[in-house]
Amino acid sequence: MTDRFRVGEGEEARLTPGAACAAEIWSRGSLPLRARVESSHHARPGFPGTAVVLGEKTYEVVSETELPEQGLVVYRLHEWPPGEVVRDRLTYGQSLVRAAQAQREANRDRERARPFRLLLYPLVGLLPEEQQERLCDRLGLYAVHATLASGLFESALVLLALTTLARAGDPGRSIALVSALPGLVLLAIPGLGRAFGAALLRETAGSPPVVLALAALRALRAPSGHVDRGLLPLTRACFWERLLRPDDVREQADGTLVFRGLLPHLGWDVPRRLLFAGHYWEVAALPPALHGGQLRYGYRLAALGTVAGRPAPGLPPATAYVDEVKDGVRREWDGWNAGFAWLTSLFAADVQERAFAHRRGPAGARRATLASAGACGALGLYLLSFLPGPPGDPLAPAAAFLGAGLLLDAARRWGAARAGRYAPSLFRFLLPSHLLRPERLAYQAHRDAEREALALVRR
């Protein structure tokens, strides 16, 4: 077996039998390796280092030493202790080093962007939510602050335009101010709304004109293929898609179970006991690991006693955590729909699926959908009843357009509900469903937990 594993310039592992350590890994920067933590208190047991495979043997990382003069980091390894269970194993090679190099380059991008944060925040905040989250992660910004800065910047521009027109003393400019005032107010409302959502609800959103322009450009281009929702960062679309993925569950030699997934398991990161099928399990969180642009979370479950009178014990399902989150989201939707199911029936089909799937799906939404469709149709007829209006009426075109749109939307939704389908409204894009508690609380909690975990992993 070779005693040297060279990956690139300054990136290699060496076997050093007979020395103070059995092997060493030399790198031009940090690698996703964790050194052993010795026990410092009877209530705080030690934690083994990362298991690294070199050739045919498994080693444990016992120390990490930085050499600033040479720009190197040295990891010293011992052979894996006999009898100790290996719960996570990394193979030293090209994939491990390249992933670490990509992370180092991302860290350098964040450092280069740091002096320009005041300029970047209002500009990045104009982008749609998903692109905004991804670019903020790349540049080391906080998307909520970007939305807040962008919303305030938009509103300030509108106020500046109003002030400039108001200072004009001639009658012509005064008339221009009066005619432009409604449009300027409408331009200010989205910016103030985004700033409000960011400041009070910690929500991210892009500027409507920019979002519409980018959506039109995407529609003109050929589709770019499926986006891997497992990659960082955790956007809203990623969160709902990851909730469909069960954890990877593996049984260890000591009888424990290790759950690994792409979502932080809130409540599993502190010592606690879970009850599954009449059996108690003790949960212990493992350190998150960054691999190939994905942050994976691990949790070890050890079996405890059985509850008397309960069914025969069984293993926790791979969907144990995602089911827990889904149950919380369903309870939130049930509370909301107790009074506002008619409004939920206007939202996009994927939002309605989360709100009504556990309540007979489209059948459970049918009454609310028919009620809201009937109300929209009545409003459309009411607006059209004012036509043609007096000669030169400036509101007539808007009333005709809105009334016809409401009638068309009502007819389309009525037919979809009678056919047993969800019936989202054509005007659903004007409804901020992402600000509602059922769509916001679980996502924000997991987004914040991932941000904290990334800060620890990237140190």
Protein backbone atom coordinates (compact mmCIF):
# COMPACT_ATOMS: atom_id res chain seq x y z
CA MET A 1 0.00 0.00 0.00
CA THR A 2 1.30 3.46 -0.91
CA ASP A 3 2.31 5.79 1.91
CA ARG A 4 1.44 9.02 0.06
CA PHE A 5 -1.87 10.16 -1.46
CA ARG A 6 -1.27 13.26 -3.57
CA VAL A 7 -4.32 15.14 -4.89
CA GLY A 8 -2.77 18.42 -6.06
CA GLU A 9 -0.22 21.11 -5.27
CA GLY A 10 -0.14 21.36 -1.49
CA GLU A 11 -2.93 18.80 -1.12
CA GLU A 12 -1.79 15.36 0.03
CA ALA A 13 -2.01 12.74 2.77
CA ARG A 14 0.97 10.83 4.17
CA LEU A 15 1.23 7.68 6.22
CA THR A 16 3.74 8.16 9.02
CA PRO A 17 4.08 4.83 10.87
CA GLY A 18 6.30 4.98 13.92
CA ALA A 19 5.83 8.73 14.40
CA ALA A 20 3.62 10.50 16.93
CA CYS A 21 0.67 10.00 14.59
CA ALA A 22 -0.18 7.27 12.10
CA ALA A 23 -0.94 9.65 9.22
CA GLU A 24 -1.11 13.33 8.27
CA ILE A 25 -3.17 15.34 5.81
CA TRP A 26 -1.63 18.53 4.43
CA SER A 27 -3.91 21.06 2.77
CA ARG A 28 -3.81 24.65 1.52
CA GLY A 29 -6.88 25.43 3.58
CA SER A 30 -9.41 23.90 5.91
CA LEU A 31 -11.12 20.63 5.01
CA PRO A 32 -14.49 19.37 6.30
CA LEU A 33 -12.72 17.35 9.00
CA ARG A 34 -13.41 17.53 12.72
CA ALA A 35 -10.75 16.80 15.32
CA ARG A 36 -11.49 14.63 18.35
CA VAL A 37 -12.97 16.45 21.34
CA GLU A 38 -11.89 14.97 24.66
CA SER A 39 -14.27 14.71 27.60
CA SER A 40 -14.02 17.75 29.90
CA HIS A 41 -16.85 16.87 32.30
CA HIS A 42 -18.77 13.77 33.34
CA ALA A 43 -21.92 15.27 31.77
CA ARG A 44 -20.07 16.20 28.55
CA PRO A 45 -18.59 13.08 27.00
CA GLY A 46 -15.89 13.29 24.39
CA PHE A 47 -16.73 13.22 20.70
CA PRO A 48 -14.71 11.21 18.18
CA GLY A 49 -13.03 12.91 15.26
CA THR A 50 -14.00 12.42 11.63
CA ALA A 51 -13.30 8.96 10.24
CA VAL A 52 -11.07 9.28 7.15
CA VAL A 53 -10.28 6.44 4.76
CA LEU A 54 -6.72 6.32 3.39
CA GLY A 55 -6.18 3.33 1.17
CA GLU A 56 -7.67 0.34 2.94
CA LYS A 57 -7.59 1.69 6.51
CA THR A 58 -9.78 4.04 8.51
CA TYR A 59 -8.19 6.79 10.61
CA GLU A 60 -9.51 9.29 13.13
CA VAL A 61 -8.66 13.00 13.03
CA VAL A 62 -7.15 13.86 16.40
CA SER A 63 -5.76 17.38 15.83
CA GLU A 64 -5.82 20.34 13.44
CA THR A 65 -2.82 22.70 13.19
CA GLU A 66 -2.55 25.87 11.08
CA LEU A 67 0.83 26.89 9.63
CA PRO A 68 0.29 30.54 8.62
CA GLU A 69 3.85 31.02 7.34
CA GLN A 70 3.42 28.23 4.80
CA GLY A 71 -0.29 28.76 4.20
CA LEU A 72 -1.05 25.15 5.15
CA VAL A 73 -3.32 23.26 7.53
CA VAL A 74 -2.13 19.93 8.94
CA TYR A 75 -4.50 17.25 10.23
CA ARG A 76 -2.94 14.50 12.30
CA LEU A 77 -4.60 11.10 12.39
CA HIS A 78 -4.52 7.94 14.49
CA GLU A 79 -5.81 4.57 13.45
CA TRP A 80 -9.48 4.22 14.26
CA PRO A 81 -9.86 2.86 17.81
CA PRO A 82 -10.88 -0.80 17.80
CA GLY A 83 -14.43 -1.36 18.97
CA GLU A 84 -15.50 2.26 18.38
CA VAL A 85 -18.50 2.56 16.08
CA VAL A 86 -17.90 4.49 12.84
CA ARG A 87 -20.91 6.74 12.28
CA ASP A 88 -19.53 8.87 9.47
CA ARG A 89 -16.70 8.09 7.10
CA LEU A 90 -15.00 10.29 4.47
CA THR A 91 -12.67 9.04 1.78
CA TYR A 92 -9.69 11.29 1.13
CA GLY A 93 -9.44 12.06 -2.58
CA GLN A 94 -10.28 14.43 -5.41
CA SER A 95 -13.97 14.91 -4.55
CA LEU A 96 -13.28 15.83 -0.92
CA VAL A 97 -10.53 18.32 -1.78
CA ARG A 98 -12.40 19.90 -4.69
CA ALA A 99 -15.46 20.48 -2.54
CA ALA A 100 -13.26 22.15 0.08
CA GLN A 101 -11.57 24.29 -2.59
CA ALA A 102 -14.96 25.42 -3.89
CA GLN A 103 -15.94 26.40 -0.36
CA ARG A 104 -12.69 28.35 0.08
CA GLU A 105 -13.35 30.23 -3.17
CA ALA A 106 -16.86 31.05 -1.97
CA ASN A 107 -15.40 32.41 1.26
CA ARG A 108 -12.99 34.59 -0.76
CA ASP A 109 -15.94 35.95 -2.79
CA ARG A 110 -17.66 36.94 0.44
CA GLU A 111 -14.56 38.72 1.67
CA ARG A 112 -14.20 40.62 -1.62
CA ALA A 113 -17.86 41.68 -1.46
CA ARG A 114 -17.69 42.82 2.16
CA PRO A 115 -16.53 46.45 1.46
CA PHE A 116 -19.39 46.97 -1.02
CA ARG A 117 -22.25 45.73 1.16
CA LEU A 118 -23.98 49.12 1.45
CA LEU A 119 -24.21 49.28 -2.35
CA LEU A 120 -25.05 45.63 -2.89
CA TYR A 121 -27.92 45.37 -0.41
CA PRO A 122 -30.45 47.63 -2.25
CA LEU A 123 -29.46 46.23 -5.66
CA VAL A 124 -29.61 42.53 -4.74
CA GLY A 125 -32.90 43.13 -2.94
CA LEU A 126 -34.56 43.95 -6.27
CA LEU A 127 -34.22 40.35 -7.50
CA PRO A 128 -36.89 37.65 -7.15
CA GLU A 129 -36.89 35.79 -3.85
CA GLU A 130 -35.05 32.64 -4.96
CA GLN A 131 -32.33 34.45 -6.93
CA GLN A 132 -32.01 36.94 -4.08
CA GLU A 133 -31.46 34.17 -1.51
CA ARG A 134 -28.86 32.43 -3.67
CA LEU A 135 -26.91 35.59 -4.51
CA CYS A 136 -26.97 36.72 -0.88
CA ASP A 137 -25.57 33.34 0.17
CA ARG A 138 -22.80 33.67 -2.42
CA LEU A 139 -21.89 37.24 -1.39
CA GLY A 140 -22.27 36.76 2.35
CA LEU A 141 -25.33 39.03 2.63
CA TYR A 142 -28.57 38.53 4.57
CA ALA A 143 -31.54 38.40 2.20
CA VAL A 144 -33.97 39.93 4.71
CA HIS A 145 -31.74 42.99 5.04
CA ALA A 146 -31.44 43.17 1.24
CA THR A 147 -35.24 43.25 0.85
CA LEU A 148 -35.55 45.89 3.57
CA ALA A 149 -32.87 48.12 2.00
CA SER A 150 -34.33 47.68 -1.47
CA GLY A 151 -37.89 48.46 -0.37
CA LEU A 152 -36.80 51.61 1.46
CA PHE A 153 -34.66 52.64 -1.52
CA GLU A 154 -37.63 52.29 -3.91
CA SER A 155 -39.87 54.31 -1.62
CA ALA A 156 -37.21 57.00 -1.22
CA LEU A 157 -36.97 57.38 -5.00
CA VAL A 158 -40.73 57.87 -5.25
CA LEU A 159 -40.69 60.45 -2.44
CA LEU A 160 -37.84 62.24 -4.16
CA ALA A 161 -39.87 62.42 -7.39
CA LEU A 162 -42.88 63.77 -5.49
CA THR A 163 -40.74 66.38 -3.74
CA THR A 164 -39.21 67.52 -7.01
CA LEU A 165 -42.64 68.00 -8.59
CA ALA A 166 -44.05 69.72 -5.51
CA ARG A 167 -41.27 72.33 -5.50
CA ALA A 168 -42.30 73.51 -8.95
CA GLY A 169 -44.07 76.83 -8.76
CA ASP A 170 -45.49 77.05 -12.28
CA PRO A 171 -49.06 75.83 -12.98
CA GLY A 172 -47.90 73.34 -15.61
CA ARG A 173 -45.81 71.38 -13.12
CA SER A 174 -48.59 71.51 -10.53
CA ILE A 175 -50.94 69.91 -13.02
CA ALA A 176 -48.25 67.28 -13.77
CA LEU A 177 -47.94 66.55 -10.05
CA VAL A 178 -51.68 66.00 -9.67
CA SER A 179 -51.84 63.73 -12.73
CA ALA A 180 -48.77 61.73 -11.73
CA LEU A 181 -49.67 61.43 -8.05
CA PRO A 182 -51.79 58.23 -8.31
CA GLY A 183 -49.12 56.43 -10.31
CA LEU A 184 -46.34 57.49 -7.96
CA VAL A 185 -48.34 56.35 -4.93
CA LEU A 186 -48.92 52.97 -6.58
CA LEU A 187 -45.17 52.69 -7.22
CA ALA A 188 -44.42 53.46 -3.56
CA ILE A 189 -46.82 50.88 -2.11
CA PRO A 190 -44.89 47.72 -3.24
CA GLY A 191 -41.61 49.10 -1.89
CA LEU A 192 -43.14 49.99 1.47
CA GLY A 193 -44.88 46.60 1.57
CA ARG A 194 -41.62 44.74 0.97
CA ALA A 195 -39.87 46.82 3.64
CA PHE A 196 -42.74 46.10 6.06
CA GLY A 197 -42.56 42.35 5.36
CA ALA A 198 -38.80 42.30 5.87
CA ALA A 199 -38.79 44.39 9.05
CA LEU A 200 -41.71 42.76 10.86
CA LEU A 201 -42.05 39.30 9.30
CA ARG A 202 -38.44 38.62 8.15
CA GLU A 203 -39.68 37.86 4.62
CA THR A 204 -37.75 38.33 1.37
CA ALA A 205 -39.32 39.52 -1.87
CA GLY A 206 -38.18 41.18 -5.08
CA SER A 207 -39.34 44.38 -6.75
CA PRO A 208 -42.46 43.63 -8.86
CA PRO A 209 -41.18 45.34 -12.06
CA VAL A 210 -37.87 43.46 -11.83
CA VAL A 211 -39.62 40.16 -11.05
CA LEU A 212 -41.96 40.56 -14.04
CA ALA A 213 -39.11 41.53 -16.37
CA LEU A 214 -36.99 38.52 -15.37
CA ALA A 215 -40.01 36.21 -15.64
CA ALA A 216 -40.61 37.45 -19.20
CA LEU A 217 -36.96 36.84 -20.08
CA ARG A 218 -37.11 33.31 -18.68
CA ALA A 219 -40.25 32.62 -20.70
CA LEU A 220 -38.46 33.64 -23.91
CA ARG A 221 -35.44 31.43 -23.22
CA ALA A 222 -35.26 27.68 -23.49
CA PRO A 223 -35.79 25.86 -20.16
CA SER A 224 -32.50 25.33 -18.33
CA GLY A 225 -33.47 21.98 -16.79
CA HIS A 226 -34.30 20.85 -13.27
CA VAL A 227 -32.83 22.79 -10.36
CA ASP A 228 -31.33 20.64 -7.61
CA ARG A 229 -33.31 21.72 -4.55
CA GLY A 230 -30.80 20.00 -2.30
CA LEU A 231 -28.15 22.64 -2.97
CA LEU A 232 -27.61 25.61 -0.71
CA PRO A 233 -29.18 27.91 0.29
CA LEU A 234 -32.57 26.91 1.68
CA THR A 235 -35.05 28.90 -0.39
CA ARG A 236 -38.82 28.65 -0.02
CA ALA A 237 -39.17 26.34 -3.03
CA CYS A 238 -36.30 24.18 -1.72
CA PHE A 239 -37.96 23.89 1.69
CA TRP A 240 -41.27 22.55 0.38
CA GLU A 241 -39.51 20.15 -1.98
CA ARG A 242 -37.17 18.83 0.71
CA LEU A 243 -40.22 18.11 2.89
CA LEU A 244 -41.12 15.45 0.32
CA ARG A 245 -37.82 13.61 0.85
CA PRO A 246 -37.55 11.06 3.68
CA ASP A 247 -34.36 10.85 5.71
CA ASP A 248 -31.69 8.31 4.96
CA VAL A 249 -31.81 5.89 7.93
CA ARG A 250 -28.98 3.45 8.66
CA GLU A 251 -28.69 1.03 11.54
CA GLN A 252 -25.31 1.01 13.27
CA ALA A 253 -23.38 -1.89 14.76
CA ASP A 254 -24.29 -0.81 18.30
CA GLY A 255 -28.04 -0.90 17.52
CA THR A 256 -28.51 2.85 17.18
CA LEU A 257 -30.09 4.49 14.14
CA VAL A 258 -28.55 7.42 12.26
CA PHE A 259 -30.97 9.72 10.42
CA ARG A 260 -29.48 11.97 7.74
CA GLY A 261 -31.38 14.60 5.80
CA LEU A 262 -31.19 17.97 4.06
CA LEU A 263 -33.28 19.82 6.64
CA PRO A 264 -32.24 20.77 10.18
CA HIS A 265 -34.45 18.77 12.54
CA LEU A 266 -35.74 21.44 14.89
CA GLY A 267 -36.13 20.04 18.38
CA TRP A 268 -33.81 17.13 17.61
CA ASP A 269 -30.70 19.25 18.19
CA VAL A 270 -31.09 19.09 21.99
CA PRO A 271 -31.20 15.93 24.12
CA ARG A 272 -34.77 14.68 24.12
CA ARG A 273 -36.82 11.50 23.95
CA LEU A 274 -39.16 10.64 21.09
CA LEU A 275 -41.99 8.10 21.16
CA PHE A 276 -42.50 5.90 18.10
CA ALA A 277 -44.86 2.89 18.08
CA GLY A 278 -44.79 2.50 21.85
CA HIS A 279 -41.00 2.75 22.12
CA TYR A 280 -38.87 5.62 23.45
CA TRP A 281 -35.78 6.76 21.54
CA GLU A 282 -33.11 9.13 22.79
CA VAL A 283 -31.94 11.66 20.18
CA ALA A 284 -28.44 13.13 19.87
CA ALA A 285 -27.47 15.54 17.10
CA LEU A 286 -24.37 14.91 15.00
CA PRO A 287 -22.35 17.81 13.55
CA PRO A 288 -23.69 18.95 10.15
CA ALA A 289 -21.41 18.24 7.19
CA LEU A 290 -21.04 20.18 3.93
CA HIS A 291 -20.63 17.94 0.86
CA GLY A 292 -20.93 18.93 -2.79
CA GLY A 293 -22.91 22.09 -2.11
CA GLN A 294 -25.32 20.29 0.23
CA LEU A 295 -25.50 20.67 4.00
CA ARG A 296 -26.45 17.33 5.54
CA TYR A 297 -27.72 16.97 9.08
CA GLY A 298 -27.28 13.82 11.16
CA TYR A 299 -29.11 12.57 14.26
CA ARG A 300 -28.45 9.40 16.26
CA LEU A 301 -31.40 7.63 17.89
CA ALA A 302 -30.81 5.09 20.67
CA ALA A 303 -33.62 2.78 21.81
CA LEU A 304 -34.83 3.09 25.41
CA GLY A 305 -37.74 1.46 27.24
CA THR A 306 -41.12 0.33 25.92
CA VAL A 307 -44.36 1.97 27.07
CA ALA A 308 -46.67 -0.52 28.79
CA GLY A 309 -49.93 -1.18 27.03
CA ARG A 310 -48.69 0.19 23.70
CA PRO A 311 -48.33 -1.84 20.47
CA ALA A 312 -45.21 -3.88 19.80
CA PRO A 313 -42.26 -1.53 19.29
CA GLY A 314 -41.17 -0.71 15.77
CA LEU A 315 -38.43 1.36 14.17
CA PRO A 316 -39.04 5.08 13.63
CA PRO A 317 -40.01 5.73 10.00
CA ALA A 318 -37.69 7.60 7.65
CA THR A 319 -40.41 10.27 7.42
CA ALA A 320 -40.57 10.80 11.18
CA TYR A 321 -39.34 14.40 11.08
CA VAL A 322 -40.98 15.59 7.86
CA ASP A 323 -44.29 14.19 9.12
CA GLU A 324 -43.81 16.20 12.31
CA VAL A 325 -43.29 19.41 10.30
CA LYS A 326 -46.20 18.68 7.96
CA ASP A 327 -48.52 18.13 10.93
CA GLY A 328 -47.59 21.56 12.28
CA VAL A 329 -48.21 23.20 8.90
CA ARG A 330 -51.60 21.45 8.62
CA ARG A 331 -52.64 22.69 12.05
CA GLU A 332 -51.75 26.24 11.02
CA TRP A 333 -53.78 25.91 7.83
CA ASP A 334 -56.77 24.48 9.71
CA GLY A 335 -56.75 27.47 12.04
CA TRP A 336 -56.56 29.89 9.11
CA ASN A 337 -59.18 28.11 7.01
CA ALA A 338 -61.68 28.18 9.85
CA GLY A 339 -62.49 31.72 8.74
CA PHE A 340 -60.63 32.36 5.48
CA ALA A 341 -60.96 29.23 3.35
CA TRP A 342 -62.50 31.37 0.61
CA LEU A 343 -59.26 33.36 0.40
CA THR A 344 -57.11 30.20 0.40
CA SER A 345 -59.10 28.96 -2.60
CA LEU A 346 -57.67 31.87 -4.62
CA PHE A 347 -54.04 30.88 -4.06
CA ALA A 348 -51.78 28.83 -6.35
CA ALA A 349 -52.46 25.10 -6.66
CA ASP A 350 -49.37 24.05 -4.68
CA VAL A 351 -50.41 26.30 -1.77
CA GLN A 352 -53.95 24.89 -1.84
CA GLU A 353 -52.50 21.36 -1.85
CA ARG A 354 -50.73 22.06 1.43
CA ALA A 355 -53.88 23.66 2.86
CA PHE A 356 -56.50 21.13 1.75
CA ALA A 357 -54.72 17.83 0.98
CA HIS A 358 -55.46 16.45 4.46
CA ARG A 359 -59.08 17.69 4.18
CA ARG A 360 -60.14 15.69 1.10
CA GLY A 361 -58.11 17.80 -1.34
CA PRO A 362 -60.08 19.63 -4.07
CA ALA A 363 -63.32 18.22 -2.65
CA GLY A 364 -62.57 19.91 0.67
CA ALA A 365 -61.91 23.21 -1.10
CA ARG A 366 -64.95 23.03 -3.40
CA ARG A 367 -67.44 24.99 -1.27
CA ALA A 368 -64.94 27.79 -0.59
CA THR A 369 -63.95 27.89 -4.26
CA LEU A 370 -67.54 28.15 -5.50
CA ALA A 371 -68.27 30.89 -2.96
CA SER A 372 -65.25 32.99 -3.93
CA ALA A 373 -65.88 32.41 -7.65
CA GLY A 374 -69.50 33.52 -7.27
CA ALA A 375 -68.45 36.65 -5.38
CA CYS A 376 -65.87 37.53 -8.06
CA GLY A 377 -68.46 37.02 -10.79
CA ALA A 378 -70.95 39.27 -9.01
CA LEU A 379 -68.28 41.96 -8.59
CA GLY A 380 -67.42 41.71 -12.30
CA LEU A 381 -71.07 42.17 -13.29
CA TYR A 382 -71.35 45.13 -10.91
CA LEU A 383 -68.37 46.87 -12.54
CA LEU A 384 -69.67 46.20 -16.04
CA SER A 385 -73.07 47.67 -15.08
CA PHE A 386 -71.51 51.15 -15.03
CA LEU A 387 -70.51 50.96 -18.70
CA PRO A 388 -70.36 52.74 -21.06
CA GLY A 389 -70.40 55.63 -18.55
CA PRO A 390 -70.33 59.35 -19.37
CA PRO A 391 -68.34 60.52 -22.42
CA GLY A 392 -64.62 60.77 -21.69
CA ASP A 393 -64.84 58.84 -18.42
CA PRO A 394 -61.17 57.98 -17.56
CA LEU A 395 -62.21 55.03 -15.38
CA ALA A 396 -64.31 53.28 -18.02
CA PRO A 397 -61.44 51.31 -19.67
CA ALA A 398 -60.12 50.14 -16.29
CA ALA A 399 -63.61 49.12 -15.12
CA ALA A 400 -64.24 47.22 -18.36
CA PHE A 401 -60.91 45.40 -18.17
CA LEU A 402 -61.27 44.49 -14.49
CA GLY A 403 -64.93 43.47 -14.81
CA ALA A 404 -64.26 41.23 -17.81
CA GLY A 405 -61.27 39.70 -16.04
CA LEU A 406 -63.30 38.92 -12.92
CA LEU A 407 -66.06 37.30 -14.98
CA LEU A 408 -63.57 35.19 -16.93
CA ASP A 409 -61.79 34.17 -13.73
CA ALA A 410 -65.08 33.26 -12.03
CA ALA A 411 -66.24 31.11 -14.95
CA ARG A 412 -62.90 29.31 -15.21
CA ARG A 413 -62.69 28.62 -11.48
CA TRP A 414 -66.32 27.49 -11.27
CA GLY A 415 -65.70 24.91 -14.01
CA ALA A 416 -62.47 23.66 -12.39
CA ALA A 417 -64.17 23.24 -9.00
CA ARG A 418 -67.09 21.32 -10.52
CA ALA A 419 -64.54 19.07 -12.29
CA GLY A 420 -62.86 18.20 -8.98
CA ARG A 421 -59.68 20.26 -9.40
CA TYR A 422 -58.05 23.08 -7.49
CA ALA A 423 -59.04 26.42 -9.03
CA PRO A 424 -56.43 29.14 -8.41
CA SER A 425 -57.39 32.64 -9.40
CA LEU A 426 -55.87 34.53 -12.32
CA PHE A 427 -55.20 37.30 -9.78
CA ARG A 428 -53.32 35.01 -7.38
CA PHE A 429 -50.05 36.83 -8.08
CA LEU A 430 -51.47 39.89 -6.30
CA LEU A 431 -52.12 37.87 -3.13
CA PRO A 432 -49.08 37.56 -0.80
CA SER A 433 -49.74 34.00 0.39
CA HIS A 434 -46.11 33.72 1.53
CA LEU A 435 -46.85 36.21 4.34
CA LEU A 436 -49.40 33.90 5.99
CA ARG A 437 -48.37 31.97 9.10
CA PRO A 438 -48.80 28.47 7.56
CA GLU A 439 -46.46 29.34 4.67
CA ARG A 440 -44.04 31.40 6.71
CA LEU A 441 -43.34 30.00 10.18
CA ALA A 442 -41.91 26.56 9.35
CA TYR A 443 -39.86 27.86 6.42
CA GLN A 444 -38.36 30.75 8.36
CA ALA A 445 -37.47 28.54 11.34
CA HIS A 446 -35.58 26.07 9.11
CA ARG A 447 -33.98 28.87 7.08
CA ASP A 448 -32.62 30.51 10.24
CA ALA A 449 -31.41 27.16 11.62
CA GLU A 450 -29.55 26.43 8.38
CA ARG A 451 -27.97 29.88 8.41
CA GLU A 452 -26.64 29.26 11.92
CA ALA A 453 -25.35 25.81 10.97
CA LEU A 454 -23.61 27.23 7.88
CA ALA A 455 -21.91 29.88 9.98
CA LEU A 456 -20.44 27.13 12.17
CA VAL A 457 -19.42 24.87 9.28
CA ARG A 458 -17.77 27.68 7.31
CA ARG A 459 -15.61 28.93 10.15
